[in-house]
Amino acid sequence: MNGASVTETDLHAYVDGALDPERCAAVDRYLAGHPIEAERVRAWQQQNEALSALYHHIGAEPVPPRLDVHSIAGAFATSGRAWHRMATAALLCMAVGLAGGWIGRGYWGAPDVGQTPLVNEAVAAHSLYTREVVHPVEVGADQQAHLAAWLSKRLDRNLVLPDLRPLGFSLVGGRLLPAQGRPAAQLMYEDETGQRVTFLIVAASDGHESSLQYGQRDGLRSFLWTDETIRCVLVGSVARDRLRDIATRAYEQLG
């Protein structure tokens, strides 16, 4: 995380309302200068609000009798004392875990953000075109100005092609694809080992901004985000931290 004074723990405590006023003010100042981190925090806050609205009534429900700690422990009350202590401790741990699972039922089945239709299309396009040797793109990096102008016109959005050379990736080129029934731009980059990453970009319709959302499918990792003008999916098989660095740099440049 950027900034030595504000940690990931601080951000989570900030979202949970667990910081004192002085520390809370420090996080406010940090977020004002770091829009990507601010988006992450807003997303966490929205998730908390959604979970509270959906599941607060479940937390108030009584634990089913079969999971009651005292009932489980009582069933073994006639056993020897030493064994009884060990068994009760184990059963208490099990009961707490089961009760926690009861309260959280339905939540863990929530769909992965990496399985949205746009991410699925981005992964499919990445898998298809990154394997190409002769024609991986329609317009090569040697025509970068033309590529940016062409894709900007087709998406009706001003696209600045990200410069990823500081991260070890050079532009291969791009192409026009359909995605979600409208024009989409695919940009392809490659590092010195031949490893490739791609961006699938469509015009945003609602202007709502979102933080980076991670997904994984078929051995590929992705980051999805939306800004005021575009919606973008970055796909690659590189390590998650490296892919996030690429996404962060692209987020700052695209638009």
C-alpha atoms as a PDB file:
ATOM      1  CA  MET A   1       0.000   0.000   0.000  1.00  0.00           C
ATOM      2  CA  ASN A   2       1.181   3.525  -0.758  1.00  0.00           C
ATOM      3  CA  GLY A   3       1.951   5.726   2.200  1.00  0.00           C
ATOM      4  CA  ALA A   4       3.867   4.669   5.267  1.00  0.00           C
ATOM      5  CA  SER A   5       1.465   6.157   7.779  1.00  0.00           C
ATOM      6  CA  VAL A   6      -1.740   4.392   6.705  1.00  0.00           C
ATOM      7  CA  THR A   7      -1.850   0.599   6.573  1.00  0.00           C
ATOM      8  CA  GLU A   8      -4.319  -1.953   5.246  1.00  0.00           C
ATOM      9  CA  THR A   9      -5.320  -2.608   8.861  1.00  0.00           C
ATOM     10  CA  ASP A  10      -6.098   1.092   9.291  1.00  0.00           C
ATOM     11  CA  LEU A  11      -8.370   1.026   6.239  1.00  0.00           C
ATOM     12  CA  HIS A  12     -10.324  -1.979   7.508  1.00  0.00           C
ATOM     13  CA  ALA A  13     -10.630  -0.407  10.958  1.00  0.00           C
ATOM     14  CA  TYR A  14     -11.790   2.815   9.290  1.00  0.00           C
ATOM     15  CA  VAL A  15     -14.549   0.946   7.444  1.00  0.00           C
ATOM     16  CA  ASP A  16     -15.564  -0.808  10.679  1.00  0.00           C
ATOM     17  CA  GLY A  17     -15.686   2.471  12.597  1.00  0.00           C
ATOM     18  CA  ALA A  18     -12.983   1.258  14.990  1.00  0.00           C
ATOM     19  CA  LEU A  19     -10.560   4.214  14.723  1.00  0.00           C
ATOM     20  CA  ASP A  20     -10.284   7.080  17.167  1.00  0.00           C
ATOM     21  CA  PRO A  21     -11.083  10.568  15.761  1.00  0.00           C
ATOM     22  CA  GLU A  22      -7.438  11.534  15.263  1.00  0.00           C
ATOM     23  CA  ARG A  23      -6.586   8.372  13.348  1.00  0.00           C
ATOM     24  CA  CYS A  24      -9.826   8.603  11.377  1.00  0.00           C
ATOM     25  CA  ALA A  25      -8.885  12.126  10.267  1.00  0.00           C
ATOM     26  CA  ALA A  26      -5.463  10.854   9.142  1.00  0.00           C
ATOM     27  CA  VAL A  27      -7.134   8.174   6.999  1.00  0.00           C
ATOM     28  CA  ASP A  28      -9.502  10.788   5.539  1.00  0.00           C
ATOM     29  CA  ARG A  29      -6.514  12.858   4.436  1.00  0.00           C
ATOM     30  CA  TYR A  30      -4.820   9.784   2.968  1.00  0.00           C
ATOM     31  CA  LEU A  31      -7.910   8.764   0.977  1.00  0.00           C
ATOM     32  CA  ALA A  32      -8.322  12.305  -0.375  1.00  0.00           C
ATOM     33  CA  GLY A  33      -4.952  11.918  -2.094  1.00  0.00           C
ATOM     34  CA  HIS A  34      -5.332   8.278  -3.176  1.00  0.00           C
ATOM     35  CA  PRO A  35      -8.475   7.843  -5.312  1.00  0.00           C
ATOM     36  CA  ILE A  36      -7.952   4.141  -6.016  1.00  0.00           C
ATOM     37  CA  GLU A  37      -7.687   3.320  -2.296  1.00  0.00           C
ATOM     38  CA  ALA A  38     -10.695   5.556  -1.659  1.00  0.00           C
ATOM     39  CA  GLU A  39     -12.671   3.489  -4.172  1.00  0.00           C
ATOM     40  CA  ARG A  40     -11.641   0.290  -2.361  1.00  0.00           C
ATOM     41  CA  VAL A  41     -12.820   1.715   0.937  1.00  0.00           C
ATOM     42  CA  ARG A  42     -16.136   2.838  -0.567  1.00  0.00           C
ATOM     43  CA  ALA A  43     -16.627  -0.651  -2.021  1.00  0.00           C
ATOM     44  CA  TRP A  44     -15.992  -2.229   1.406  1.00  0.00           C
ATOM     45  CA  GLN A  45     -18.463   0.167   3.000  1.00  0.00           C
ATOM     46  CA  GLN A  46     -21.084  -0.675   0.389  1.00  0.00           C
ATOM     47  CA  GLN A  47     -20.495  -4.400   0.967  1.00  0.00           C
ATOM     48  CA  ASN A  48     -20.955  -3.933   4.721  1.00  0.00           C
ATOM     49  CA  GLU A  49     -24.181  -2.019   4.144  1.00  0.00           C
ATOM     50  CA  ALA A  50     -25.467  -4.671   1.736  1.00  0.00           C
ATOM     51  CA  LEU A  51     -24.630  -7.532   4.100  1.00  0.00           C
ATOM     52  CA  SER A  52     -26.224  -5.732   7.001  1.00  0.00           C
ATOM     53  CA  ALA A  53     -29.392  -5.116   5.012  1.00  0.00           C
ATOM     54  CA  LEU A  54     -29.586  -8.698   3.752  1.00  0.00           C
ATOM     55  CA  TYR A  55     -28.524 -10.732   6.788  1.00  0.00           C
ATOM     56  CA  HIS A  56     -29.109  -8.726   9.957  1.00  0.00           C
ATOM     57  CA  HIS A  57     -32.268 -10.730  10.624  1.00  0.00           C
ATOM     58  CA  ILE A  58     -30.322 -14.008  10.420  1.00  0.00           C
ATOM     59  CA  GLY A  59     -27.983 -12.908  13.173  1.00  0.00           C
ATOM     60  CA  ALA A  60     -31.008 -12.415  15.403  1.00  0.00           C
ATOM     61  CA  GLU A  61     -32.382 -15.906  14.767  1.00  0.00           C
ATOM     62  CA  PRO A  62     -31.951 -18.482  17.552  1.00  0.00           C
ATOM     63  CA  VAL A  63     -29.349 -21.166  16.998  1.00  0.00           C
ATOM     64  CA  PRO A  64     -31.085 -24.494  16.189  1.00  0.00           C
ATOM     65  CA  PRO A  65     -31.330 -26.834  19.232  1.00  0.00           C
ATOM     66  CA  ARG A  66     -29.035 -29.394  17.608  1.00  0.00           C
ATOM     67  CA  LEU A  67     -26.257 -26.807  17.586  1.00  0.00           C
ATOM     68  CA  ASP A  68     -26.754 -25.565  21.154  1.00  0.00           C
ATOM     69  CA  VAL A  69     -23.429 -25.704  22.991  1.00  0.00           C
ATOM     70  CA  HIS A  70     -24.921 -26.752  26.321  1.00  0.00           C
ATOM     71  CA  SER A  71     -26.982 -29.556  24.790  1.00  0.00           C
ATOM     72  CA  ILE A  72     -23.957 -30.988  23.024  1.00  0.00           C
ATOM     73  CA  ALA A  73     -21.787 -30.753  26.130  1.00  0.00           C
ATOM     74  CA  GLY A  74     -24.532 -32.256  28.324  1.00  0.00           C
ATOM     75  CA  ALA A  75     -24.708 -35.383  26.219  1.00  0.00           C
ATOM     76  CA  PHE A  76     -21.246 -36.299  27.448  1.00  0.00           C
ATOM     77  CA  ALA A  77     -21.709 -35.337  31.117  1.00  0.00           C
ATOM     78  CA  THR A  78     -21.497 -38.935  32.323  1.00  0.00           C
ATOM     79  CA  SER A  79     -18.024 -39.540  30.907  1.00  0.00           C
ATOM     80  CA  GLY A  80     -14.844 -39.461  32.970  1.00  0.00           C
ATOM     81  CA  ARG A  81     -13.626 -36.062  34.060  1.00  0.00           C
ATOM     82  CA  ALA A  82     -10.392 -35.951  32.110  1.00  0.00           C
ATOM     83  CA  TRP A  83     -11.982 -37.194  28.921  1.00  0.00           C
ATOM     84  CA  HIS A  84     -14.965 -34.979  29.558  1.00  0.00           C
ATOM     85  CA  ARG A  85     -12.831 -31.843  29.670  1.00  0.00           C
ATOM     86  CA  MET A  86     -11.108 -32.661  26.400  1.00  0.00           C
ATOM     87  CA  ALA A  87     -14.289 -33.717  24.633  1.00  0.00           C
ATOM     88  CA  THR A  88     -16.257 -30.699  25.811  1.00  0.00           C
ATOM     89  CA  ALA A  89     -13.546 -28.335  24.626  1.00  0.00           C
ATOM     90  CA  ALA A  90     -13.543 -29.977  21.213  1.00  0.00           C
ATOM     91  CA  LEU A  91     -17.317 -29.934  20.998  1.00  0.00           C
ATOM     92  CA  LEU A  92     -17.508 -26.320  22.013  1.00  0.00           C
ATOM     93  CA  CYS A  93     -15.126 -25.396  19.204  1.00  0.00           C
ATOM     94  CA  MET A  94     -17.177 -27.442  16.762  1.00  0.00           C
ATOM     95  CA  ALA A  95     -20.452 -25.915  17.935  1.00  0.00           C
ATOM     96  CA  VAL A  96     -19.151 -22.382  17.645  1.00  0.00           C
ATOM     97  CA  GLY A  97     -18.007 -23.140  14.113  1.00  0.00           C
ATOM     98  CA  LEU A  98     -21.352 -24.679  13.185  1.00  0.00           C
ATOM     99  CA  ALA A  99     -23.273 -21.795  14.700  1.00  0.00           C
ATOM    100  CA  GLY A 100     -21.137 -19.357  12.768  1.00  0.00           C
ATOM    101  CA  GLY A 101     -21.894 -21.294   9.616  1.00  0.00           C
ATOM    102  CA  TRP A 102     -25.608 -21.132  10.422  1.00  0.00           C
ATOM    103  CA  ILE A 103     -25.546 -17.354  10.799  1.00  0.00           C
ATOM    104  CA  GLY A 104     -23.540 -16.903   7.624  1.00  0.00           C
ATOM    105  CA  ARG A 105     -25.566 -19.347   5.508  1.00  0.00           C
ATOM    106  CA  GLY A 106     -26.343 -18.058   2.031  1.00  0.00           C
ATOM    107  CA  TYR A 107     -23.508 -15.542   2.068  1.00  0.00           C
ATOM    108  CA  TRP A 108     -20.637 -17.797   1.039  1.00  0.00           C
ATOM    109  CA  GLY A 109     -22.461 -18.784  -2.135  1.00  0.00           C
ATOM    110  CA  ALA A 110     -22.282 -15.227  -3.484  1.00  0.00           C
ATOM    111  CA  PRO A 111     -21.044 -15.157  -7.114  1.00  0.00           C
ATOM    112  CA  ASP A 112     -17.408 -14.287  -7.810  1.00  0.00           C
ATOM    113  CA  VAL A 113     -17.022 -10.888  -9.484  1.00  0.00           C
ATOM    114  CA  GLY A 114     -14.664 -12.692 -11.831  1.00  0.00           C
ATOM    115  CA  GLN A 115     -17.659 -14.454 -13.393  1.00  0.00           C
ATOM    116  CA  THR A 116     -19.481 -11.388 -14.758  1.00  0.00           C
ATOM    117  CA  PRO A 117     -20.407 -11.522 -18.477  1.00  0.00           C
ATOM    118  CA  LEU A 118     -17.822  -8.893 -19.452  1.00  0.00           C
ATOM    119  CA  VAL A 119     -15.051 -10.735 -17.590  1.00  0.00           C
ATOM    120  CA  ASN A 120     -16.075 -14.006 -19.265  1.00  0.00           C
ATOM    121  CA  GLU A 121     -15.841 -12.343 -22.690  1.00  0.00           C
ATOM    122  CA  ALA A 122     -12.486 -10.779 -21.815  1.00  0.00           C
ATOM    123  CA  VAL A 123     -11.073 -14.139 -20.697  1.00  0.00           C
ATOM    124  CA  ALA A 124     -12.352 -15.851 -23.853  1.00  0.00           C
ATOM    125  CA  ALA A 125     -10.854 -13.161 -26.111  1.00  0.00           C
ATOM    126  CA  HIS A 126      -7.551 -13.281 -24.222  1.00  0.00           C
ATOM    127  CA  SER A 127      -7.353 -17.067 -24.573  1.00  0.00           C
ATOM    128  CA  LEU A 128      -8.081 -16.871 -28.303  1.00  0.00           C
ATOM    129  CA  TYR A 129      -5.786 -14.080 -29.425  1.00  0.00           C
ATOM    130  CA  THR A 130      -2.773 -14.378 -27.112  1.00  0.00           C
ATOM    131  CA  ARG A 131      -2.054 -17.765 -28.704  1.00  0.00           C
ATOM    132  CA  GLU A 132      -1.733 -16.171 -32.142  1.00  0.00           C
ATOM    133  CA  VAL A 133       1.807 -15.778 -33.418  1.00  0.00           C
ATOM    134  CA  VAL A 134       1.377 -14.099 -36.814  1.00  0.00           C
ATOM    135  CA  HIS A 135      -1.831 -12.088 -36.270  1.00  0.00           C
ATOM    136  CA  PRO A 136      -2.385 -11.501 -32.544  1.00  0.00           C
ATOM    137  CA  VAL A 137      -3.675  -7.960 -33.265  1.00  0.00           C
ATOM    138  CA  GLU A 138      -5.307  -6.021 -36.110  1.00  0.00           C
ATOM    139  CA  VAL A 139      -3.237  -2.866 -35.707  1.00  0.00           C
ATOM    140  CA  GLY A 140       0.329  -3.121 -34.422  1.00  0.00           C
ATOM    141  CA  ALA A 141       2.227  -0.949 -31.983  1.00  0.00           C
ATOM    142  CA  ASP A 142       4.069   0.710 -34.880  1.00  0.00           C
ATOM    143  CA  GLN A 143       0.754   2.473 -35.666  1.00  0.00           C
ATOM    144  CA  GLN A 144      -0.052   3.478 -32.083  1.00  0.00           C
ATOM    145  CA  ALA A 145      -1.511   6.895 -32.948  1.00  0.00           C
ATOM    146  CA  HIS A 146      -3.798   5.361 -35.567  1.00  0.00           C
ATOM    147  CA  LEU A 147      -4.814   2.580 -33.166  1.00  0.00           C
ATOM    148  CA  ALA A 148      -5.768   5.047 -30.418  1.00  0.00           C
ATOM    149  CA  ALA A 149      -7.735   7.250 -32.834  1.00  0.00           C
ATOM    150  CA  TRP A 150      -9.541   4.301 -34.440  1.00  0.00           C
ATOM    151  CA  LEU A 151     -10.588   2.673 -31.177  1.00  0.00           C
ATOM    152  CA  SER A 152     -11.550   6.021 -29.639  1.00  0.00           C
ATOM    153  CA  LYS A 153     -13.851   6.695 -32.593  1.00  0.00           C
ATOM    154  CA  ARG A 154     -15.479   3.256 -32.494  1.00  0.00           C
ATOM    155  CA  LEU A 155     -16.065   3.375 -28.715  1.00  0.00           C
ATOM    156  CA  ASP A 156     -16.989   7.084 -28.811  1.00  0.00           C
ATOM    157  CA  ARG A 157     -14.547   7.551 -25.955  1.00  0.00           C
ATOM    158  CA  ASN A 158     -11.116   9.156 -25.823  1.00  0.00           C
ATOM    159  CA  LEU A 159      -8.650   6.313 -25.207  1.00  0.00           C
ATOM    160  CA  VAL A 160      -5.071   6.958 -24.112  1.00  0.00           C
ATOM    161  CA  LEU A 161      -3.184   3.704 -24.563  1.00  0.00           C
ATOM    162  CA  PRO A 162      -1.434   2.839 -21.278  1.00  0.00           C
ATOM    163  CA  ASP A 163       2.360   2.937 -21.187  1.00  0.00           C
ATOM    164  CA  LEU A 164       3.368  -0.215 -19.297  1.00  0.00           C
ATOM    165  CA  ARG A 165       7.075  -0.192 -20.172  1.00  0.00           C
ATOM    166  CA  PRO A 166       8.102   0.739 -16.601  1.00  0.00           C
ATOM    167  CA  LEU A 167       6.445  -2.537 -15.554  1.00  0.00           C
ATOM    168  CA  GLY A 168       8.211  -4.562 -18.242  1.00  0.00           C
ATOM    169  CA  PHE A 169       5.352  -4.790 -20.779  1.00  0.00           C
ATOM    170  CA  SER A 170       5.399  -3.306 -24.288  1.00  0.00           C
ATOM    171  CA  LEU A 171       2.382  -2.701 -26.512  1.00  0.00           C
ATOM    172  CA  VAL A 172       1.820  -5.381 -29.144  1.00  0.00           C
ATOM    173  CA  GLY A 173      -1.231  -3.652 -30.624  1.00  0.00           C
ATOM    174  CA  GLY A 174      -4.985  -3.901 -30.553  1.00  0.00           C
ATOM    175  CA  ARG A 175      -8.157  -4.895 -32.291  1.00  0.00           C
ATOM    176  CA  LEU A 176     -11.894  -4.183 -32.341  1.00  0.00           C
ATOM    177  CA  LEU A 177     -14.217  -6.841 -30.915  1.00  0.00           C
ATOM    178  CA  PRO A 178     -17.887  -7.143 -29.991  1.00  0.00           C
ATOM    179  CA  ALA A 179     -18.679  -7.408 -26.282  1.00  0.00           C
ATOM    180  CA  GLN A 180     -22.087  -7.239 -24.644  1.00  0.00           C
ATOM    181  CA  GLY A 181     -23.614  -6.286 -27.998  1.00  0.00           C
ATOM    182  CA  ARG A 182     -21.423  -3.223 -28.565  1.00  0.00           C
ATOM    183  CA  PRO A 183     -17.943  -2.329 -29.815  1.00  0.00           C
ATOM    184  CA  ALA A 184     -15.051  -3.246 -27.542  1.00  0.00           C
ATOM    185  CA  ALA A 185     -11.339  -2.543 -27.771  1.00  0.00           C
ATOM    186  CA  GLN A 186      -8.768  -5.204 -26.961  1.00  0.00           C
ATOM    187  CA  LEU A 187      -5.229  -4.020 -26.215  1.00  0.00           C
ATOM    188  CA  MET A 188      -2.409  -6.539 -25.961  1.00  0.00           C
ATOM    189  CA  TYR A 189       0.935  -6.156 -24.151  1.00  0.00           C
ATOM    190  CA  GLU A 190       3.915  -8.502 -23.899  1.00  0.00           C
ATOM    191  CA  ASP A 191       6.976  -8.761 -21.628  1.00  0.00           C
ATOM    192  CA  GLU A 192      10.471  -9.897 -22.595  1.00  0.00           C
ATOM    193  CA  THR A 193       9.620 -13.530 -21.789  1.00  0.00           C
ATOM    194  CA  GLY A 194       6.667 -13.513 -24.185  1.00  0.00           C
ATOM    195  CA  GLN A 195       4.028 -13.420 -21.461  1.00  0.00           C
ATOM    196  CA  ARG A 196       0.985 -11.430 -22.555  1.00  0.00           C
ATOM    197  CA  VAL A 197      -1.767  -9.463 -20.865  1.00  0.00           C
ATOM    198  CA  THR A 198      -4.831  -7.941 -22.500  1.00  0.00           C
ATOM    199  CA  PHE A 199      -7.350  -5.231 -21.759  1.00  0.00           C
ATOM    200  CA  LEU A 200     -10.955  -5.452 -22.946  1.00  0.00           C
ATOM    201  CA  ILE A 201     -12.549  -1.990 -22.896  1.00  0.00           C
ATOM    202  CA  VAL A 202     -16.152  -0.962 -23.496  1.00  0.00           C
ATOM    203  CA  ALA A 203     -17.914   2.364 -23.095  1.00  0.00           C
ATOM    204  CA  ALA A 204     -19.446   2.872 -19.646  1.00  0.00           C
ATOM    205  CA  SER A 205     -23.140   3.651 -19.775  1.00  0.00           C
ATOM    206  CA  ASP A 206     -23.837   4.888 -16.251  1.00  0.00           C
ATOM    207  CA  GLY A 207     -20.694   6.852 -15.361  1.00  0.00           C
ATOM    208  CA  HIS A 208     -20.483   5.015 -12.023  1.00  0.00           C
ATOM    209  CA  GLU A 209     -16.917   4.463 -10.814  1.00  0.00           C
ATOM    210  CA  SER A 210     -15.795   1.270  -9.108  1.00  0.00           C
ATOM    211  CA  SER A 211     -12.634  -0.024  -7.464  1.00  0.00           C
ATOM    212  CA  LEU A 212     -10.489  -2.837  -8.837  1.00  0.00           C
ATOM    213  CA  GLN A 213     -12.344  -6.163  -8.516  1.00  0.00           C
ATOM    214  CA  TYR A 214     -10.324  -9.377  -8.708  1.00  0.00           C
ATOM    215  CA  GLY A 215     -11.425 -12.634 -10.329  1.00  0.00           C
ATOM    216  CA  GLN A 216      -9.867 -15.931 -11.411  1.00  0.00           C
ATOM    217  CA  ARG A 217     -11.007 -18.445 -14.013  1.00  0.00           C
ATOM    218  CA  ASP A 218      -9.436 -21.191 -16.146  1.00  0.00           C
ATOM    219  CA  GLY A 219      -5.944 -20.427 -14.833  1.00  0.00           C
ATOM    220  CA  LEU A 220      -6.264 -16.734 -15.724  1.00  0.00           C
ATOM    221  CA  ARG A 221      -6.521 -13.772 -13.341  1.00  0.00           C
ATOM    222  CA  SER A 222      -8.463 -10.589 -13.998  1.00  0.00           C
ATOM    223  CA  PHE A 223      -9.144  -7.142 -12.631  1.00  0.00           C
ATOM    224  CA  LEU A 224     -12.358  -5.330 -13.522  1.00  0.00           C
ATOM    225  CA  TRP A 225     -13.058  -1.654 -12.944  1.00  0.00           C
ATOM    226  CA  THR A 226     -15.255   1.181 -14.195  1.00  0.00           C
ATOM    227  CA  ASP A 227     -14.536   4.881 -14.395  1.00  0.00           C
ATOM    228  CA  GLU A 228     -16.620   7.769 -15.696  1.00  0.00           C
ATOM    229  CA  THR A 229     -16.265   6.852 -19.381  1.00  0.00           C
ATOM    230  CA  ILE A 230     -15.146   3.223 -19.758  1.00  0.00           C
ATOM    231  CA  ARG A 231     -15.403  -0.242 -18.249  1.00  0.00           C
ATOM    232  CA  CYS A 232     -12.221  -2.290 -18.440  1.00  0.00           C
ATOM    233  CA  VAL A 233     -11.080  -5.858 -17.756  1.00  0.00           C
ATOM    234  CA  LEU A 234      -7.387  -6.719 -17.500  1.00  0.00           C
ATOM    235  CA  VAL A 235      -6.599 -10.431 -18.039  1.00  0.00           C
ATOM    236  CA  GLY A 236      -3.350 -12.369 -17.660  1.00  0.00           C
ATOM    237  CA  SER A 237      -1.657 -15.359 -16.102  1.00  0.00           C
ATOM    238  CA  VAL A 238       0.981 -13.303 -14.276  1.00  0.00           C
ATOM    239  CA  ALA A 239       1.094 -13.202 -10.475  1.00  0.00           C
ATOM    240  CA  ARG A 240      -1.787 -11.413  -8.796  1.00  0.00           C
ATOM    241  CA  ASP A 241       0.374  -8.631  -7.296  1.00  0.00           C
ATOM    242  CA  ARG A 242       2.040  -7.913 -10.615  1.00  0.00           C
ATOM    243  CA  LEU A 243      -1.301  -7.903 -12.413  1.00  0.00           C
ATOM    244  CA  ARG A 244      -2.655  -5.482  -9.827  1.00  0.00           C
ATOM    245  CA  ASP A 245       0.309  -3.156 -10.440  1.00  0.00           C
ATOM    246  CA  ILE A 246      -0.498  -3.229 -14.156  1.00  0.00           C
ATOM    247  CA  ALA A 247      -4.190  -2.554 -13.467  1.00  0.00           C
ATOM    248  CA  THR A 248      -3.360   0.348 -11.166  1.00  0.00           C
ATOM    249  CA  ARG A 249      -1.079   1.972 -13.732  1.00  0.00           C
ATOM    250  CA  ALA A 250      -3.618   1.492 -16.514  1.00  0.00           C
ATOM    251  CA  TYR A 251      -6.414   2.862 -14.309  1.00  0.00           C
ATOM    252  CA  GLU A 252      -4.408   6.060 -13.883  1.00  0.00           C
ATOM    253  CA  GLN A 253      -3.817   6.474 -17.625  1.00  0.00           C
ATOM    254  CA  LEU A 254      -6.884   5.193 -19.453  1.00  0.00           C
ATOM    255  CA  GLY A 255      -9.597   7.675 -20.302  1.00  0.00           C
END
